[in-house]
Amino acid sequence: MSSTVLDALWEDRDVRFDINPSQMNMRPGESIIDKLDSIEDTKGNNGDRGRLLVTNLRVIWHSTSLPRVNLSVGLNCIINITVRTANSKLRGPTEALYLLTKCNNTRFEFIFTNLVPGSPRLFTTVISVHRAYETSKLYRDVKLRGAIISNKSLRMLPLEQVYDKVGGVWNLSSDQGNLGTFYITNVRLVWHAVMNEAFNVSVPYLQMRTVKIRDSKFGLALVVETSVQSGGYVLGFRLDPAEKLQEVVKEIQSLHRVYSTNPILGVEFEVDDVPATAEELVVENIQDDIDIVNDDEQSDAFAAYFADGDKQKDRPPVFSEELGLAIEKLKDSFTLSNLWEVVDHK
């Protein structure tokens, strides 16, 4: 018997360019925290007025005139946020928000400028929401051997409720097994060893792939499989008698199904001016003369945002047969055609 499998969470863990309207919609549990109009994507679309949406999982920017030109930057990808001066075509030299991100071992830099002078909201909202995201990872990430137990009691998360505490649960990760305790809550399943509180595991329902009863060398066991992005763990536990095992499995599966309909992602943040409802923020599909090709390959638009963090000085010039002149040597894996594809073909 298997529980509901949640769609893989990508919104906070990926950087995507020119996504389709369905990917700009909010996933279950995702909510818009703030909306800012008149925001320029100064690095990739300098001179283009757009809208910035800050959710509890990501930062979304799209062009006002051409919504298919857009960005989705996951909060988990952001490694540094700074406020520096940038040169905007619409405002000239002005303070801008710099986001340095890392996704799949590639660094990207984004620069956002508020075209409304004197408003710090762009800076304060993004910085504060990212901080709230960073301090609430136990809602979303599998944690092994964490500081989650204190004096044999679960250290509760702000939005957490414990529904059941089950003793006599054997962790089957070793040949001998370890006796411990389950905490079954509204957001996760926690186990810790009786003899060593530091030997523990916290598995959010968000990262649970399946919850089943399987046969093992120890007899029937409760087996939890986690998502690939969380490490693809297979965790086995044994409870006696068999009736108790069945009861606990059904309880976890039921809570997992309830969670799947309305996930609790843990990012708590409020702004003074409440943004419009999600329905009012849906991006209209503007018909134009561009044929949109659905292609699973990542768009080469990322070249405009590529952050060459290791570059300390200009690379030596090399002769380009394609251009017939000397150019700075390109970074490995980049070609001239990649760079030209950043330009909007008309």
Protein backbone atom coordinates (compact mmCIF):
# COMPACT_ATOMS: atom_id res chain seq x y z
CA MET A 1 0.00 0.00 0.00
CA SER A 2 1.48 3.32 -1.07
CA SER A 3 0.70 6.89 -0.13
CA THR A 4 0.22 9.83 -2.45
CA VAL A 5 3.35 10.93 -4.30
CA LEU A 6 3.80 14.71 -4.44
CA ASP A 7 5.02 16.32 -7.64
CA ALA A 8 8.76 16.90 -7.42
CA LEU A 9 9.48 20.27 -5.87
CA TRP A 10 11.52 22.36 -8.32
CA GLU A 11 10.29 25.89 -7.69
CA ASP A 12 12.75 26.67 -4.87
CA ARG A 13 15.61 24.53 -6.18
CA ASP A 14 15.97 25.63 -9.79
CA VAL A 15 16.68 28.66 -11.95
CA ARG A 16 14.57 28.69 -15.10
CA PHE A 17 14.23 31.09 -18.00
CA ASP A 18 11.23 31.84 -20.23
CA ILE A 19 9.00 29.27 -18.56
CA ASN A 20 5.49 28.58 -19.79
CA PRO A 21 2.44 30.07 -18.01
CA SER A 22 1.62 26.82 -16.20
CA GLN A 23 5.04 26.87 -14.50
CA MET A 24 4.45 30.45 -13.38
CA ASN A 25 1.30 29.36 -11.54
CA MET A 26 1.56 28.68 -7.83
CA ARG A 27 2.07 25.03 -6.86
CA PRO A 28 0.14 23.62 -3.87
CA GLY A 29 1.42 25.35 -0.74
CA GLU A 30 3.08 28.17 -2.66
CA SER A 31 1.74 31.65 -2.04
CA ILE A 32 2.53 35.15 -3.24
CA ILE A 33 4.03 37.25 -0.44
CA ASP A 34 4.58 40.46 -2.37
CA LYS A 35 4.11 41.91 -5.84
CA LEU A 36 6.13 44.81 -7.19
CA ASP A 37 5.42 46.53 -10.48
CA SER A 38 7.89 48.71 -12.40
CA ILE A 39 10.86 46.41 -11.77
CA GLU A 40 13.60 46.19 -14.38
CA ASP A 41 15.66 43.05 -15.02
CA THR A 42 18.74 45.19 -15.47
CA LYS A 43 21.18 42.45 -16.46
CA GLY A 44 19.15 40.46 -18.98
CA ASN A 45 16.44 42.88 -20.11
CA ASN A 46 17.82 46.35 -19.43
CA GLY A 47 15.28 48.98 -20.39
CA ASP A 48 12.31 46.60 -20.14
CA ARG A 49 9.71 47.36 -17.47
CA GLY A 50 8.41 44.28 -15.66
CA ARG A 51 6.72 42.82 -12.60
CA LEU A 52 8.40 40.97 -9.73
CA LEU A 53 6.54 38.38 -7.67
CA VAL A 54 8.05 37.15 -4.40
CA THR A 55 6.62 33.84 -3.17
CA ASN A 56 7.53 31.56 -0.30
CA LEU A 57 9.58 29.45 -2.75
CA ARG A 58 10.98 31.72 -5.46
CA VAL A 59 11.38 35.11 -7.10
CA ILE A 60 9.57 35.50 -10.43
CA TRP A 61 10.11 38.34 -12.90
CA HIS A 62 8.31 38.82 -16.20
CA SER A 63 8.25 41.55 -18.80
CA THR A 64 5.08 43.64 -18.72
CA SER A 65 4.90 43.96 -22.50
CA LEU A 66 5.95 40.37 -23.28
CA PRO A 67 5.19 38.00 -20.37
CA ARG A 68 6.83 35.04 -22.12
CA VAL A 69 10.13 36.77 -21.30
CA ASN A 70 10.50 35.77 -17.67
CA LEU A 71 12.65 34.31 -14.90
CA SER A 72 12.02 31.95 -12.01
CA VAL A 73 14.74 32.01 -9.33
CA GLY A 74 14.42 29.47 -6.51
CA LEU A 75 15.16 30.75 -3.01
CA ASN A 76 17.31 27.70 -2.33
CA CYS A 77 19.59 28.72 -5.22
CA ILE A 78 20.39 32.16 -3.80
CA ILE A 79 23.83 32.24 -2.16
CA ASN A 80 24.29 36.00 -1.77
CA ILE A 81 22.13 39.14 -1.81
CA THR A 82 23.65 42.61 -2.04
CA VAL A 83 22.53 46.15 -2.83
CA ARG A 84 24.86 47.96 -5.24
CA THR A 85 24.75 50.61 -7.91
CA ALA A 86 23.73 49.48 -11.38
CA ASN A 87 23.29 51.35 -14.64
CA SER A 88 19.65 51.19 -15.71
CA LYS A 89 18.57 52.36 -19.15
CA LEU A 90 15.34 53.67 -17.61
CA ARG A 91 16.76 55.27 -14.44
CA GLY A 92 20.47 55.66 -15.04
CA PRO A 93 22.90 54.88 -12.18
CA THR A 94 20.80 53.74 -9.22
CA GLU A 95 20.74 51.27 -6.34
CA ALA A 96 19.78 47.77 -7.45
CA LEU A 97 19.28 44.34 -5.94
CA TYR A 98 21.99 41.84 -6.90
CA LEU A 99 21.22 38.12 -6.53
CA LEU A 100 24.09 35.66 -6.89
CA THR A 101 22.74 32.16 -7.41
CA LYS A 102 24.06 28.67 -7.97
CA CYS A 103 22.14 25.95 -9.79
CA ASN A 104 23.58 22.62 -10.97
CA ASN A 105 27.12 23.91 -10.32
CA THR A 106 26.54 26.96 -12.55
CA ARG A 107 26.45 30.48 -11.15
CA PHE A 108 24.05 33.13 -12.38
CA GLU A 109 23.79 36.78 -11.42
CA PHE A 110 20.54 38.75 -11.52
CA ILE A 111 20.16 42.51 -11.10
CA PHE A 112 16.75 44.00 -10.36
CA THR A 113 16.10 47.75 -10.28
CA ASN A 114 13.01 49.42 -8.88
CA LEU A 115 11.94 52.09 -11.36
CA VAL A 116 9.97 53.86 -8.62
CA PRO A 117 12.49 56.14 -6.86
CA GLY A 118 12.78 56.16 -3.08
CA SER A 119 11.22 52.75 -2.45
CA PRO A 120 13.31 50.23 -0.44
CA ARG A 121 10.59 47.56 -0.61
CA LEU A 122 12.35 45.55 -3.32
CA PHE A 123 15.38 45.12 -1.06
CA THR A 124 13.60 44.54 2.25
CA THR A 125 11.07 42.03 0.92
CA VAL A 126 13.49 39.78 -0.96
CA ILE A 127 16.11 39.83 1.81
CA SER A 128 13.56 39.12 4.57
CA VAL A 129 11.74 36.36 2.67
CA HIS A 130 15.03 34.65 1.83
CA ARG A 131 16.01 34.77 5.51
CA ALA A 132 12.64 33.25 6.48
CA TYR A 133 13.20 30.51 3.89
CA GLU A 134 16.70 29.70 5.13
CA THR A 135 15.53 29.35 8.75
CA SER A 136 12.64 26.99 7.95
CA LYS A 137 14.34 24.18 6.03
CA LEU A 138 13.15 21.42 8.37
CA TYR A 139 9.70 21.83 6.81
CA ARG A 140 11.11 20.92 3.40
CA ASP A 141 14.38 18.97 3.75
CA VAL A 142 15.28 15.55 5.09
CA LYS A 143 17.58 15.98 8.09
CA LEU A 144 19.86 13.28 9.53
CA ARG A 145 21.42 13.59 13.00
CA GLY A 146 20.11 17.10 13.55
CA ALA A 147 19.42 19.08 16.72
CA ILE A 148 15.74 18.17 16.61
CA ILE A 149 15.37 16.40 19.98
CA SER A 150 15.83 17.98 23.41
CA ASN A 151 15.43 16.03 26.67
CA LYS A 152 13.74 13.18 24.79
CA SER A 153 11.12 15.57 23.38
CA LEU A 154 10.65 16.89 19.86
CA ARG A 155 11.71 20.48 19.28
CA MET A 156 8.55 21.74 17.66
CA LEU A 157 8.46 23.91 14.56
CA PRO A 158 6.24 27.04 14.73
CA LEU A 159 3.43 25.57 12.58
CA GLU A 160 3.82 22.00 13.80
CA GLN A 161 1.36 19.82 15.72
CA VAL A 162 2.20 16.36 17.09
CA TYR A 163 -0.57 13.89 16.33
CA ASP A 164 1.03 10.76 17.75
CA LYS A 165 4.06 9.59 19.70
CA VAL A 166 4.92 5.91 19.22
CA GLY A 167 7.49 4.05 21.30
CA GLY A 168 9.14 0.72 20.60
CA VAL A 169 10.12 1.56 17.01
CA TRP A 170 13.22 -0.21 15.71
CA ASN A 171 15.35 1.54 13.09
CA LEU A 172 16.64 -1.16 10.72
CA SER A 173 19.64 0.76 9.38
CA SER A 174 22.09 -1.59 11.11
CA ASP A 175 22.30 -5.35 11.66
CA GLN A 176 21.37 -5.00 15.32
CA GLY A 177 18.69 -2.35 14.87
CA ASN A 178 18.22 0.64 17.17
CA LEU A 179 15.26 1.07 19.49
CA GLY A 180 13.63 4.47 19.31
CA THR A 181 10.53 6.63 19.17
CA PHE A 182 8.33 8.02 16.37
CA TYR A 183 6.84 11.51 16.39
CA ILE A 184 4.09 11.76 13.79
CA THR A 185 3.16 15.39 13.12
CA ASN A 186 1.24 17.42 10.55
CA VAL A 187 4.41 18.21 8.56
CA ARG A 188 6.88 15.34 9.07
CA LEU A 189 7.82 11.98 10.53
CA VAL A 190 10.60 12.03 13.13
CA TRP A 191 12.47 9.09 14.67
CA HIS A 192 15.19 9.18 17.34
CA ALA A 193 17.08 6.51 19.24
CA VAL A 194 16.25 6.06 22.93
CA MET A 195 19.90 5.72 23.96
CA ASN A 196 21.24 8.53 21.75
CA GLU A 197 19.07 11.55 20.90
CA ALA A 198 21.59 12.69 18.28
CA PHE A 199 20.89 9.53 16.25
CA ASN A 200 17.73 10.72 14.53
CA VAL A 201 16.01 11.45 11.25
CA SER A 202 13.39 14.03 10.24
CA VAL A 203 11.44 13.30 7.03
CA PRO A 204 9.00 15.99 5.81
CA TYR A 205 5.91 14.71 4.01
CA LEU A 206 7.00 17.00 1.16
CA GLN A 207 9.95 14.68 0.45
CA MET A 208 8.17 11.37 1.04
CA ARG A 209 7.85 9.35 -2.14
CA THR A 210 6.16 6.25 -0.75
CA VAL A 211 5.17 4.76 2.60
CA LYS A 212 4.74 0.99 2.49
CA ILE A 213 4.85 -2.25 4.44
CA ARG A 214 7.53 -4.60 3.11
CA ASP A 215 9.07 -7.87 4.13
CA SER A 216 12.63 -7.65 5.47
CA LYS A 217 15.12 -9.92 7.22
CA PHE A 218 13.61 -8.61 10.46
CA GLY A 219 10.06 -9.45 9.34
CA LEU A 220 7.39 -6.99 8.19
CA ALA A 221 8.68 -3.42 8.25
CA LEU A 222 7.48 0.11 7.60
CA VAL A 223 9.52 1.45 4.69
CA VAL A 224 9.72 5.15 3.80
CA GLU A 225 11.24 6.13 0.45
CA THR A 226 12.24 9.76 -0.01
CA SER A 227 12.43 11.76 -3.23
CA VAL A 228 15.51 11.66 -5.43
CA GLN A 229 16.22 15.35 -4.78
CA SER A 230 16.33 14.70 -1.02
CA GLY A 231 18.87 11.89 -1.42
CA GLY A 232 16.64 8.95 -2.35
CA TYR A 233 16.79 7.40 1.12
CA VAL A 234 15.09 4.09 1.91
CA LEU A 235 14.37 4.00 5.65
CA GLY A 236 13.10 0.87 7.38
CA PHE A 237 11.39 0.61 10.77
CA ARG A 238 9.84 -2.27 12.69
CA LEU A 239 6.98 -2.15 15.19
CA ASP A 240 5.36 -4.98 17.14
CA PRO A 241 2.76 -6.32 17.05
CA ALA A 242 1.75 -6.43 13.35
CA GLU A 243 -1.56 -4.72 14.15
CA LYS A 244 0.32 -1.73 15.55
CA LEU A 245 2.49 -1.60 12.43
CA GLN A 246 -0.60 -1.50 10.20
CA GLU A 247 -2.17 1.20 12.35
CA VAL A 248 0.91 3.46 12.24
CA VAL A 249 1.37 3.04 8.48
CA LYS A 250 -2.26 4.00 7.83
CA GLU A 251 -1.89 7.06 10.06
CA ILE A 252 1.24 8.28 8.23
CA GLN A 253 -0.35 7.66 4.83
CA SER A 254 -3.48 9.54 5.84
CA LEU A 255 -1.51 12.55 7.10
CA HIS A 256 0.61 12.46 3.94
CA ARG A 257 -2.51 12.64 1.78
CA VAL A 258 -3.91 15.53 3.81
CA TYR A 259 -0.58 17.34 3.57
CA SER A 260 -0.42 16.79 -0.19
CA THR A 261 -3.60 18.80 -0.76
CA ASN A 262 -2.27 21.83 1.14
CA PRO A 263 1.44 21.57 2.00
CA ILE A 264 2.83 23.61 4.89
CA LEU A 265 6.14 24.97 3.60
CA GLY A 266 7.06 26.93 6.73
CA VAL A 267 8.02 30.32 5.26
CA GLU A 268 6.22 32.88 7.41
CA PHE A 269 6.38 36.49 6.30
CA GLU A 270 3.90 39.34 6.05
CA VAL A 271 4.10 42.67 4.27
CA ASP A 272 2.25 45.82 5.26
CA ASP A 273 0.50 46.13 1.91
CA VAL A 274 -1.17 42.81 1.16
CA PRO A 275 -0.74 41.90 -2.52
CA ALA A 276 -3.63 41.06 -4.77
CA THR A 277 -5.03 37.55 -4.81
CA ALA A 278 -3.38 34.91 -6.95
CA GLU A 279 -6.30 35.05 -9.40
CA GLU A 280 -5.61 38.74 -10.03
CA LEU A 281 -1.93 38.05 -10.67
CA VAL A 282 -2.37 35.45 -13.40
CA VAL A 283 -0.33 36.45 -16.42
CA GLU A 284 -2.51 36.83 -19.46
CA ASN A 285 -1.56 34.85 -22.55
CA ILE A 286 -0.80 37.60 -25.03
CA GLN A 287 -1.06 36.34 -28.60
CA ASP A 288 1.78 37.42 -30.86
CA ASP A 289 3.37 36.29 -34.07
CA ILE A 290 5.94 34.14 -32.32
CA ASP A 291 5.66 30.37 -32.58
CA ILE A 292 6.39 28.94 -29.13
CA VAL A 293 8.21 25.63 -29.35
CA ASN A 294 7.91 23.34 -26.34
CA ASP A 295 11.42 22.05 -25.84
CA ASP A 296 12.69 20.23 -22.77
CA GLU A 297 16.21 21.56 -23.31
CA GLN A 298 17.16 24.57 -21.24
CA SER A 299 17.07 27.86 -23.11
CA ASP A 300 20.40 29.46 -23.94
CA ALA A 301 19.04 32.71 -22.51
CA PHE A 302 20.98 31.82 -19.35
CA ALA A 303 24.15 33.10 -21.01
CA ALA A 304 23.00 36.67 -20.34
CA TYR A 305 22.98 36.00 -16.60
CA PHE A 306 26.06 33.80 -16.41
CA ALA A 307 28.20 34.84 -13.44
CA ASP A 308 31.87 34.15 -14.07
CA GLY A 309 32.84 34.34 -10.42
CA ASP A 310 36.30 32.86 -10.95
CA LYS A 311 37.37 35.44 -13.53
CA GLN A 312 39.99 37.79 -12.08
CA LYS A 313 41.22 39.32 -15.38
CA ASP A 314 40.54 39.23 -19.09
CA ARG A 315 41.36 35.96 -20.83
CA PRO A 316 44.06 35.98 -23.53
CA PRO A 317 42.89 36.89 -27.05
CA VAL A 318 42.44 34.16 -29.62
CA PHE A 319 41.72 34.34 -33.34
CA SER A 320 38.12 33.54 -34.24
CA GLU A 321 37.84 32.02 -37.71
CA GLU A 322 34.09 32.52 -37.50
CA LEU A 323 34.39 36.30 -37.01
CA GLY A 324 37.73 36.82 -38.71
CA LEU A 325 39.18 38.78 -35.80
CA ALA A 326 40.72 38.39 -32.36
CA ILE A 327 38.37 37.94 -29.40
CA GLU A 328 38.71 37.14 -25.72
CA LYS A 329 38.81 33.38 -25.25
CA LEU A 330 35.39 32.05 -24.25
CA LYS A 331 34.82 30.04 -21.09
CA ASP A 332 34.84 26.27 -21.56
CA SER A 333 31.58 24.81 -22.95
CA PHE A 334 30.50 28.19 -24.40
CA THR A 335 30.42 29.01 -28.11
CA LEU A 336 29.76 32.17 -30.09
CA SER A 337 26.41 30.77 -31.17
CA ASN A 338 25.41 30.45 -27.50
CA LEU A 339 26.03 34.14 -27.00
CA TRP A 340 24.19 35.21 -30.14
CA GLU A 341 21.16 33.17 -29.10
CA VAL A 342 20.68 35.55 -26.19
CA VAL A 343 19.65 38.21 -28.72
CA ASP A 344 15.92 38.28 -29.45
CA HIS A 345 15.51 37.21 -33.09
CA LYS A 346 12.87 39.21 -34.92
